[in-house]
Amino acid sequence: MSLAQSLLQLKSLIVHACDSLEHLVVIKEHDIDKGEEILSNPLFFSKLESLSIDSCERLEYIFPIFIARGLVQLEALVLSNALQLKHVFYLDHQRGENVVARDGKEIVLPNLKRLTLEELANFISLCPENYHFNCPALEEITTKKCSNLATSFMVEIVAKD
């Protein structure tokens, strides 16, 4: 079984002190092989329940936006000490299309219960501008030292209650 295939079973992912990491997942169109085909499947992380990223100084984005549809089991998202992080999801311009547009411009994480954002100096929002974040199961939000966090992001989260 390839590494990409074994990652299909991943339930928890912890990334700590990876200072040169800029993106957690990047799909390159010109470099598609069997592993890349698996990674380009939006259900690639469908079993992921928790994601924790800490002390990744150069990390700007985590997932291409099309991956959001596959995060159906994600319950906890903890992001801390990633000074360059701007968004969790980013538009993948290499794919040449807006994959999420087929489903509207809403990112739904149906089982997300806990969201922690700490010491993210450049963090703006979970998703790019003009996208909406929906997490109907959200029970707990913690934010600390996120000076660029968009006010609209917080209003949208609070308005879901």
N, C-alpha and C. Protein backbone atom coordinates (compact mmCIF):
# COMPACT_ATOMS: atom_id res chain seq x y z
N MET A 1 0.86 -1.18 0.00
CA MET A 1 0.00 0.00 0.00
C MET A 1 0.90 1.23 0.00
N SER A 2 0.59 2.18 -0.86
CA SER A 2 1.38 3.40 -0.95
C SER A 2 1.09 4.30 0.25
N LEU A 3 1.97 5.27 0.46
CA LEU A 3 1.77 6.24 1.54
C LEU A 3 0.46 6.99 1.33
N ALA A 4 0.20 7.42 0.08
CA ALA A 4 -1.03 8.15 -0.20
C ALA A 4 -2.27 7.30 0.11
N GLN A 5 -2.22 6.01 -0.23
CA GLN A 5 -3.36 5.13 0.06
C GLN A 5 -3.54 4.93 1.56
N SER A 6 -2.44 4.79 2.30
CA SER A 6 -2.56 4.59 3.75
C SER A 6 -3.08 5.85 4.44
N LEU A 7 -2.82 7.03 3.86
CA LEU A 7 -3.33 8.26 4.44
C LEU A 7 -4.85 8.36 4.34
N LEU A 8 -5.46 7.57 3.47
CA LEU A 8 -6.92 7.55 3.36
C LEU A 8 -7.56 7.11 4.68
N GLN A 9 -6.82 6.37 5.49
CA GLN A 9 -7.33 5.86 6.77
C GLN A 9 -7.02 6.79 7.95
N LEU A 10 -6.34 7.87 7.71
CA LEU A 10 -5.87 8.78 8.76
C LEU A 10 -7.01 9.39 9.55
N LYS A 11 -6.95 9.27 10.88
CA LYS A 11 -7.98 9.85 11.76
C LYS A 11 -7.47 11.08 12.50
N SER A 12 -6.18 11.13 12.78
CA SER A 12 -5.61 12.25 13.52
C SER A 12 -4.30 12.65 12.86
N LEU A 13 -4.11 13.97 12.74
CA LEU A 13 -2.87 14.47 12.16
C LEU A 13 -2.35 15.60 13.03
N ILE A 14 -1.12 15.46 13.48
CA ILE A 14 -0.45 16.48 14.29
C ILE A 14 0.81 16.91 13.54
N VAL A 15 0.91 18.20 13.27
CA VAL A 15 2.08 18.75 12.60
C VAL A 15 2.69 19.76 13.57
N HIS A 16 3.95 19.54 13.94
CA HIS A 16 4.58 20.39 14.95
C HIS A 16 5.99 20.78 14.50
N ALA A 17 6.29 22.06 14.58
CA ALA A 17 7.63 22.60 14.34
C ALA A 17 8.20 22.22 12.97
N CYS A 18 7.39 22.41 11.94
CA CYS A 18 7.86 22.21 10.57
C CYS A 18 8.03 23.60 9.95
N ASP A 19 9.14 24.23 10.26
CA ASP A 19 9.35 25.63 9.93
C ASP A 19 9.37 25.95 8.45
N SER A 20 9.77 25.01 7.59
CA SER A 20 9.83 25.31 6.15
C SER A 20 8.54 24.95 5.41
N LEU A 21 7.58 24.35 6.07
CA LEU A 21 6.32 23.94 5.44
C LEU A 21 5.47 25.17 5.11
N GLU A 22 5.05 25.30 3.83
CA GLU A 22 4.21 26.43 3.40
C GLU A 22 2.76 26.03 3.18
N HIS A 23 2.52 24.78 2.75
CA HIS A 23 1.18 24.24 2.54
C HIS A 23 1.20 22.80 3.01
N LEU A 24 0.12 22.33 3.60
CA LEU A 24 0.05 20.94 4.02
C LEU A 24 -0.21 20.04 2.82
N VAL A 25 -1.11 20.45 1.94
CA VAL A 25 -1.44 19.68 0.74
C VAL A 25 -1.35 20.59 -0.47
N VAL A 26 -0.57 20.16 -1.46
CA VAL A 26 -0.46 20.87 -2.73
C VAL A 26 -0.59 19.84 -3.83
N ILE A 27 -1.48 20.08 -4.78
CA ILE A 27 -1.64 19.20 -5.93
C ILE A 27 -1.08 19.92 -7.14
N LYS A 28 -0.12 19.30 -7.81
CA LYS A 28 0.47 19.89 -9.00
C LYS A 28 -0.05 19.16 -10.22
N GLU A 29 -0.72 19.89 -11.09
CA GLU A 29 -1.37 19.30 -12.27
C GLU A 29 -0.38 18.60 -13.18
N HIS A 30 0.80 19.15 -13.35
CA HIS A 30 1.78 18.57 -14.27
C HIS A 30 2.49 17.35 -13.68
N ASP A 31 2.22 17.02 -12.43
CA ASP A 31 2.95 15.97 -11.73
C ASP A 31 2.00 14.88 -11.23
N ILE A 32 0.97 14.55 -12.02
CA ILE A 32 -0.01 13.57 -11.54
C ILE A 32 0.49 12.17 -11.80
N ASP A 33 0.60 11.41 -10.74
CA ASP A 33 0.85 9.98 -10.82
C ASP A 33 -0.21 9.32 -9.94
N LYS A 34 -0.09 8.04 -9.68
CA LYS A 34 -1.14 7.36 -8.92
C LYS A 34 -1.37 7.99 -7.55
N GLY A 35 -0.32 8.36 -6.85
CA GLY A 35 -0.47 8.99 -5.54
C GLY A 35 -1.16 10.33 -5.62
N GLU A 36 -0.80 11.12 -6.63
CA GLU A 36 -1.42 12.43 -6.80
C GLU A 36 -2.90 12.30 -7.13
N GLU A 37 -3.29 11.25 -7.89
CA GLU A 37 -4.70 11.03 -8.20
C GLU A 37 -5.49 10.79 -6.92
N ILE A 38 -4.92 10.04 -5.99
CA ILE A 38 -5.59 9.80 -4.71
C ILE A 38 -5.70 11.10 -3.94
N LEU A 39 -4.60 11.88 -3.90
CA LEU A 39 -4.63 13.14 -3.18
C LEU A 39 -5.62 14.13 -3.78
N SER A 40 -5.86 14.07 -5.08
CA SER A 40 -6.76 15.02 -5.72
C SER A 40 -8.22 14.65 -5.51
N ASN A 41 -8.49 13.51 -4.92
CA ASN A 41 -9.85 13.11 -4.58
C ASN A 41 -10.32 13.96 -3.39
N PRO A 42 -11.47 14.65 -3.52
CA PRO A 42 -11.90 15.52 -2.42
C PRO A 42 -12.22 14.75 -1.14
N LEU A 43 -12.38 13.44 -1.23
CA LEU A 43 -12.68 12.64 -0.04
C LEU A 43 -11.41 12.05 0.58
N PHE A 44 -10.27 12.57 0.18
CA PHE A 44 -8.99 12.07 0.65
C PHE A 44 -8.89 12.04 2.18
N PHE A 45 -9.36 13.05 2.84
CA PHE A 45 -9.28 13.12 4.30
C PHE A 45 -10.62 12.81 4.96
N SER A 46 -11.44 11.97 4.35
CA SER A 46 -12.80 11.74 4.84
C SER A 46 -12.87 11.09 6.22
N LYS A 47 -11.79 10.47 6.69
CA LYS A 47 -11.79 9.86 8.02
C LYS A 47 -11.07 10.71 9.07
N LEU A 48 -10.52 11.83 8.65
CA LEU A 48 -9.77 12.70 9.56
C LEU A 48 -10.71 13.31 10.59
N GLU A 49 -10.43 13.07 11.87
CA GLU A 49 -11.26 13.57 12.98
C GLU A 49 -10.62 14.76 13.68
N SER A 50 -9.29 14.81 13.71
CA SER A 50 -8.63 15.93 14.38
C SER A 50 -7.37 16.34 13.62
N LEU A 51 -7.19 17.65 13.56
CA LEU A 51 -6.02 18.22 12.92
C LEU A 51 -5.45 19.26 13.86
N SER A 52 -4.18 19.11 14.19
CA SER A 52 -3.50 20.05 15.07
C SER A 52 -2.20 20.49 14.39
N ILE A 53 -2.06 21.79 14.23
CA ILE A 53 -0.85 22.35 13.63
C ILE A 53 -0.29 23.38 14.60
N ASP A 54 0.99 23.23 14.94
CA ASP A 54 1.62 24.10 15.92
C ASP A 54 3.06 24.40 15.48
N SER A 55 3.42 25.67 15.60
CA SER A 55 4.80 26.11 15.39
C SER A 55 5.33 25.79 13.99
N CYS A 56 4.54 26.14 12.99
CA CYS A 56 4.97 26.02 11.59
C CYS A 56 5.05 27.44 11.04
N GLU A 57 6.21 28.04 11.18
CA GLU A 57 6.39 29.47 10.95
C GLU A 57 6.08 29.95 9.54
N ARG A 58 6.33 29.14 8.51
CA ARG A 58 6.14 29.59 7.13
C ARG A 58 4.82 29.12 6.51
N LEU A 59 4.04 28.36 7.24
CA LEU A 59 2.78 27.83 6.73
C LEU A 59 1.81 28.97 6.40
N GLU A 60 1.36 29.04 5.14
CA GLU A 60 0.43 30.08 4.71
C GLU A 60 -1.00 29.56 4.56
N TYR A 61 -1.13 28.35 4.03
CA TYR A 61 -2.43 27.73 3.79
C TYR A 61 -2.30 26.25 4.09
N ILE A 62 -3.42 25.60 4.36
CA ILE A 62 -3.36 24.18 4.70
C ILE A 62 -3.84 23.30 3.56
N PHE A 63 -5.08 23.51 3.10
CA PHE A 63 -5.67 22.65 2.08
C PHE A 63 -6.16 23.44 0.87
N PRO A 64 -6.10 22.83 -0.34
CA PRO A 64 -6.85 23.42 -1.45
C PRO A 64 -8.34 23.35 -1.09
N ILE A 65 -9.11 24.28 -1.56
CA ILE A 65 -10.49 24.41 -1.13
C ILE A 65 -11.34 23.18 -1.45
N PHE A 66 -11.01 22.45 -2.52
CA PHE A 66 -11.82 21.29 -2.87
C PHE A 66 -11.74 20.18 -1.82
N ILE A 67 -10.70 20.16 -1.01
CA ILE A 67 -10.54 19.15 0.05
C ILE A 67 -11.61 19.32 1.13
N ALA A 68 -12.14 20.54 1.29
CA ALA A 68 -13.12 20.81 2.35
C ALA A 68 -14.31 19.86 2.30
N ARG A 69 -14.75 19.49 1.10
CA ARG A 69 -15.91 18.59 0.97
C ARG A 69 -15.65 17.23 1.58
N GLY A 70 -14.39 16.84 1.69
CA GLY A 70 -14.06 15.53 2.23
C GLY A 70 -13.87 15.50 3.73
N LEU A 71 -13.86 16.63 4.39
CA LEU A 71 -13.58 16.68 5.84
C LEU A 71 -14.86 16.47 6.65
N VAL A 72 -15.61 15.46 6.31
CA VAL A 72 -16.92 15.23 6.92
C VAL A 72 -16.85 14.73 8.36
N GLN A 73 -15.73 14.15 8.76
CA GLN A 73 -15.59 13.62 10.12
C GLN A 73 -14.79 14.53 11.04
N LEU A 74 -14.25 15.62 10.51
CA LEU A 74 -13.39 16.51 11.31
C LEU A 74 -14.16 17.09 12.49
N GLU A 75 -13.68 16.81 13.71
CA GLU A 75 -14.31 17.29 14.94
C GLU A 75 -13.51 18.37 15.64
N ALA A 76 -12.19 18.36 15.47
CA ALA A 76 -11.33 19.33 16.17
C ALA A 76 -10.29 19.88 15.21
N LEU A 77 -10.20 21.20 15.19
CA LEU A 77 -9.20 21.89 14.39
C LEU A 77 -8.48 22.85 15.32
N VAL A 78 -7.19 22.59 15.55
CA VAL A 78 -6.38 23.38 16.47
C VAL A 78 -5.19 23.94 15.70
N LEU A 79 -5.13 25.26 15.61
CA LEU A 79 -4.05 25.93 14.89
C LEU A 79 -3.38 26.91 15.83
N SER A 80 -2.07 26.81 15.98
CA SER A 80 -1.37 27.72 16.88
C SER A 80 0.05 27.98 16.40
N ASN A 81 0.52 29.18 16.70
CA ASN A 81 1.90 29.57 16.43
C ASN A 81 2.32 29.36 14.98
N ALA A 82 1.44 29.72 14.06
CA ALA A 82 1.76 29.69 12.63
C ALA A 82 1.66 31.13 12.14
N LEU A 83 2.75 31.84 12.25
CA LEU A 83 2.75 33.28 12.05
C LEU A 83 2.34 33.74 10.66
N GLN A 84 2.58 32.92 9.62
CA GLN A 84 2.25 33.31 8.25
C GLN A 84 0.90 32.77 7.77
N LEU A 85 0.24 31.95 8.57
CA LEU A 85 -1.02 31.34 8.15
C LEU A 85 -2.08 32.40 7.90
N LYS A 86 -2.70 32.35 6.70
CA LYS A 86 -3.73 33.32 6.32
C LYS A 86 -5.12 32.68 6.30
N HIS A 87 -5.21 31.48 5.72
CA HIS A 87 -6.48 30.76 5.61
C HIS A 87 -6.19 29.27 5.76
N VAL A 88 -7.19 28.52 6.19
CA VAL A 88 -7.08 27.06 6.20
C VAL A 88 -7.22 26.56 4.77
N PHE A 89 -8.23 27.05 4.06
CA PHE A 89 -8.50 26.61 2.69
C PHE A 89 -8.10 27.69 1.70
N TYR A 90 -7.51 27.29 0.58
CA TYR A 90 -7.10 28.26 -0.43
C TYR A 90 -7.61 27.81 -1.80
N LEU A 91 -7.81 28.78 -2.68
CA LEU A 91 -8.21 28.49 -4.05
C LEU A 91 -7.00 27.94 -4.79
N ASP A 92 -7.17 26.80 -5.41
CA ASP A 92 -6.09 26.15 -6.15
C ASP A 92 -6.16 26.60 -7.61
N HIS A 93 -5.45 27.65 -7.92
CA HIS A 93 -5.50 28.22 -9.26
C HIS A 93 -4.89 27.28 -10.30
N GLN A 94 -4.05 26.35 -9.90
CA GLN A 94 -3.46 25.40 -10.84
C GLN A 94 -4.51 24.46 -11.43
N ARG A 95 -5.59 24.23 -10.70
CA ARG A 95 -6.65 23.35 -11.20
C ARG A 95 -7.47 24.05 -12.28
N GLY A 96 -7.34 25.37 -12.40
CA GLY A 96 -7.97 26.09 -13.47
C GLY A 96 -9.47 26.28 -13.33
N GLU A 97 -10.03 25.90 -12.21
CA GLU A 97 -11.46 26.09 -12.00
C GLU A 97 -11.76 26.25 -10.53
N ASN A 98 -12.90 26.74 -10.24
CA ASN A 98 -13.36 26.89 -8.87
C ASN A 98 -14.22 25.68 -8.55
N VAL A 99 -13.61 24.63 -8.03
CA VAL A 99 -14.29 23.36 -7.81
C VAL A 99 -15.47 23.52 -6.86
N VAL A 100 -15.34 24.34 -5.83
CA VAL A 100 -16.40 24.48 -4.84
C VAL A 100 -17.61 25.20 -5.43
N ALA A 101 -17.42 25.98 -6.48
CA ALA A 101 -18.52 26.76 -7.05
C ALA A 101 -19.70 25.87 -7.45
N ARG A 102 -19.45 24.63 -7.78
CA ARG A 102 -20.54 23.71 -8.11
C ARG A 102 -21.48 23.53 -6.93
N ASP A 103 -20.94 23.59 -5.74
CA ASP A 103 -21.72 23.38 -4.53
C ASP A 103 -22.10 24.70 -3.86
N GLY A 104 -21.89 25.80 -4.52
CA GLY A 104 -22.07 27.11 -3.90
C GLY A 104 -20.76 27.51 -3.25
N LYS A 105 -20.73 28.68 -2.68
CA LYS A 105 -19.49 29.16 -2.07
C LYS A 105 -19.57 29.01 -0.56
N GLU A 106 -19.94 27.84 -0.13
CA GLU A 106 -20.05 27.55 1.30
C GLU A 106 -19.18 26.35 1.61
N ILE A 107 -18.40 26.48 2.65
CA ILE A 107 -17.60 25.37 3.14
C ILE A 107 -18.30 24.84 4.39
N VAL A 108 -18.68 23.58 4.35
CA VAL A 108 -19.40 22.97 5.46
C VAL A 108 -18.52 21.92 6.11
N LEU A 109 -18.30 22.07 7.40
CA LEU A 109 -17.62 21.05 8.20
C LEU A 109 -18.68 20.55 9.19
N PRO A 110 -19.44 19.53 8.81
CA PRO A 110 -20.64 19.16 9.56
C PRO A 110 -20.42 18.66 10.97
N ASN A 111 -19.24 18.13 11.27
CA ASN A 111 -18.99 17.58 12.61
C ASN A 111 -17.98 18.36 13.44
N LEU A 112 -17.54 19.51 12.94
CA LEU A 112 -16.56 20.30 13.69
C LEU A 112 -17.19 20.81 14.99
N LYS A 113 -16.60 20.38 16.11
CA LYS A 113 -17.10 20.77 17.43
C LYS A 113 -16.19 21.78 18.12
N ARG A 114 -14.87 21.68 17.83
CA ARG A 114 -13.92 22.54 18.54
C ARG A 114 -12.98 23.20 17.54
N LEU A 115 -12.92 24.52 17.63
CA LEU A 115 -12.04 25.31 16.78
C LEU A 115 -11.16 26.17 17.69
N THR A 116 -9.84 26.00 17.58
CA THR A 116 -8.90 26.76 18.39
C THR A 116 -7.93 27.48 17.46
N LEU A 117 -7.87 28.79 17.62
CA LEU A 117 -6.97 29.64 16.83
C LEU A 117 -6.16 30.47 17.81
N GLU A 118 -4.86 30.19 17.89
CA GLU A 118 -4.01 30.89 18.85
C GLU A 118 -2.70 31.35 18.22
N GLU A 119 -2.36 32.60 18.47
CA GLU A 119 -1.11 33.19 18.03
C GLU A 119 -0.89 33.00 16.53
N LEU A 120 -1.87 33.49 15.77
CA LEU A 120 -1.83 33.45 14.31
C LEU A 120 -1.86 34.89 13.81
N ALA A 121 -0.72 35.52 13.76
CA ALA A 121 -0.62 36.96 13.50
C ALA A 121 -1.21 37.40 12.17
N ASN A 122 -1.15 36.56 11.13
CA ASN A 122 -1.64 36.94 9.80
C ASN A 122 -2.93 36.22 9.40
N PHE A 123 -3.52 35.48 10.33
CA PHE A 123 -4.72 34.70 10.00
C PHE A 123 -5.91 35.62 9.77
N ILE A 124 -6.60 35.42 8.65
CA ILE A 124 -7.74 36.24 8.28
C ILE A 124 -9.05 35.50 8.50
N SER A 125 -9.13 34.28 7.98
CA SER A 125 -10.35 33.50 8.06
C SER A 125 -10.05 32.06 7.66
N LEU A 126 -11.00 31.17 7.87
CA LEU A 126 -10.79 29.79 7.48
C LEU A 126 -10.77 29.62 5.96
N CYS A 127 -11.51 30.45 5.27
CA CYS A 127 -11.64 30.30 3.82
C CYS A 127 -11.42 31.64 3.13
N PRO A 128 -11.20 31.60 1.81
CA PRO A 128 -10.95 32.84 1.07
C PRO A 128 -12.16 33.78 1.08
N GLU A 129 -11.91 35.01 0.69
CA GLU A 129 -12.96 36.03 0.60
C GLU A 129 -14.10 35.53 -0.30
N ASN A 130 -15.32 35.89 0.04
CA ASN A 130 -16.54 35.52 -0.67
C ASN A 130 -16.99 34.08 -0.44
N TYR A 131 -16.33 33.36 0.45
CA TYR A 131 -16.78 32.02 0.83
C TYR A 131 -17.35 32.11 2.24
N HIS A 132 -18.27 31.23 2.53
CA HIS A 132 -18.89 31.21 3.85
C HIS A 132 -18.57 29.89 4.53
N PHE A 133 -18.37 29.97 5.81
CA PHE A 133 -18.00 28.82 6.62
C PHE A 133 -19.21 28.40 7.44
N ASN A 134 -19.57 27.13 7.36
CA ASN A 134 -20.72 26.61 8.08
C ASN A 134 -20.29 25.39 8.90
N CYS A 135 -20.49 25.47 10.20
CA CYS A 135 -20.14 24.34 11.08
C CYS A 135 -21.28 24.16 12.09
N PRO A 136 -22.31 23.43 11.71
CA PRO A 136 -23.52 23.32 12.54
C PRO A 136 -23.31 22.64 13.90
N ALA A 137 -22.26 21.85 14.06
CA ALA A 137 -22.04 21.13 15.32
C ALA A 137 -21.09 21.87 16.27
N LEU A 138 -20.61 23.05 15.88
CA LEU A 138 -19.61 23.76 16.66
C LEU A 138 -20.08 24.05 18.09
N GLU A 139 -19.27 23.64 19.06
CA GLU A 139 -19.58 23.82 20.48
C GLU A 139 -18.60 24.77 21.16
N GLU A 140 -17.36 24.84 20.65
CA GLU A 140 -16.33 25.62 21.34
C GLU A 140 -15.41 26.33 20.35
N ILE A 141 -15.23 27.63 20.56
CA ILE A 141 -14.27 28.41 19.78
C ILE A 141 -13.33 29.10 20.75
N THR A 142 -12.04 28.98 20.48
CA THR A 142 -11.04 29.69 21.27
C THR A 142 -10.19 30.50 20.30
N THR A 143 -10.08 31.79 20.54
CA THR A 143 -9.17 32.62 19.75
C THR A 143 -8.29 33.41 20.71
N LYS A 144 -7.02 33.50 20.36
CA LYS A 144 -6.06 34.23 21.19
C LYS A 144 -4.94 34.75 20.30
N LYS A 145 -4.69 36.05 20.38
CA LYS A 145 -3.62 36.70 19.62
C LYS A 145 -3.73 36.42 18.12
N CYS A 146 -4.91 36.71 17.57
CA CYS A 146 -5.15 36.62 16.12
C CYS A 146 -5.55 38.00 15.65
N SER A 147 -4.57 38.89 15.55
CA SER A 147 -4.85 40.31 15.34
C SER A 147 -5.48 40.63 13.99
N ASN A 148 -5.32 39.80 12.97
CA ASN A 148 -5.90 40.07 11.65
C ASN A 148 -7.17 39.28 11.37
N LEU A 149 -7.67 38.58 12.36
CA LEU A 149 -8.87 37.77 12.16
C LEU A 149 -10.01 38.66 11.70
N ALA A 150 -10.61 38.32 10.58
CA ALA A 150 -11.68 39.13 9.99
C ALA A 150 -12.89 39.16 10.92
N THR A 151 -13.39 40.36 11.17
CA THR A 151 -14.58 40.52 12.00
C THR A 151 -15.75 39.77 11.41
N SER A 152 -15.87 39.74 10.10
CA SER A 152 -16.98 39.05 9.44
C SER A 152 -16.93 37.56 9.74
N PHE A 153 -15.73 36.99 9.90
CA PHE A 153 -15.60 35.58 10.24
C PHE A 153 -16.22 35.30 11.60
N MET A 154 -15.91 36.13 12.58
CA MET A 154 -16.44 35.93 13.92
C MET A 154 -17.95 36.16 13.95
N VAL A 155 -18.43 37.16 13.23
CA VAL A 155 -19.87 37.43 13.19
C VAL A 155 -20.61 36.26 12.56
N GLU A 156 -20.04 35.69 11.48
CA GLU A 156 -20.66 34.57 10.82
C GLU A 156 -20.74 33.36 11.74
N ILE A 157 -19.67 33.07 12.46
CA ILE A 157 -19.65 31.94 13.38
C ILE A 157 -20.68 32.16 14.49
N VAL A 158 -20.69 33.32 15.10
CA VAL A 158 -21.62 33.62 16.19
C VAL A 158 -23.06 33.59 15.70
N ALA A 159 -23.31 34.05 14.49
CA ALA A 159 -24.67 34.10 13.95
C ALA A 159 -25.25 32.71 13.72
N LYS A 160 -24.42 31.68 13.65
CA LYS A 160 -24.90 30.32 13.45
C LYS A 160 -25.64 29.79 14.66
N ASP A 161 -25.39 30.34 15.84
CA ASP A 161 -26.02 29.85 17.07
C ASP A 161 -27.51 30.04 17.08
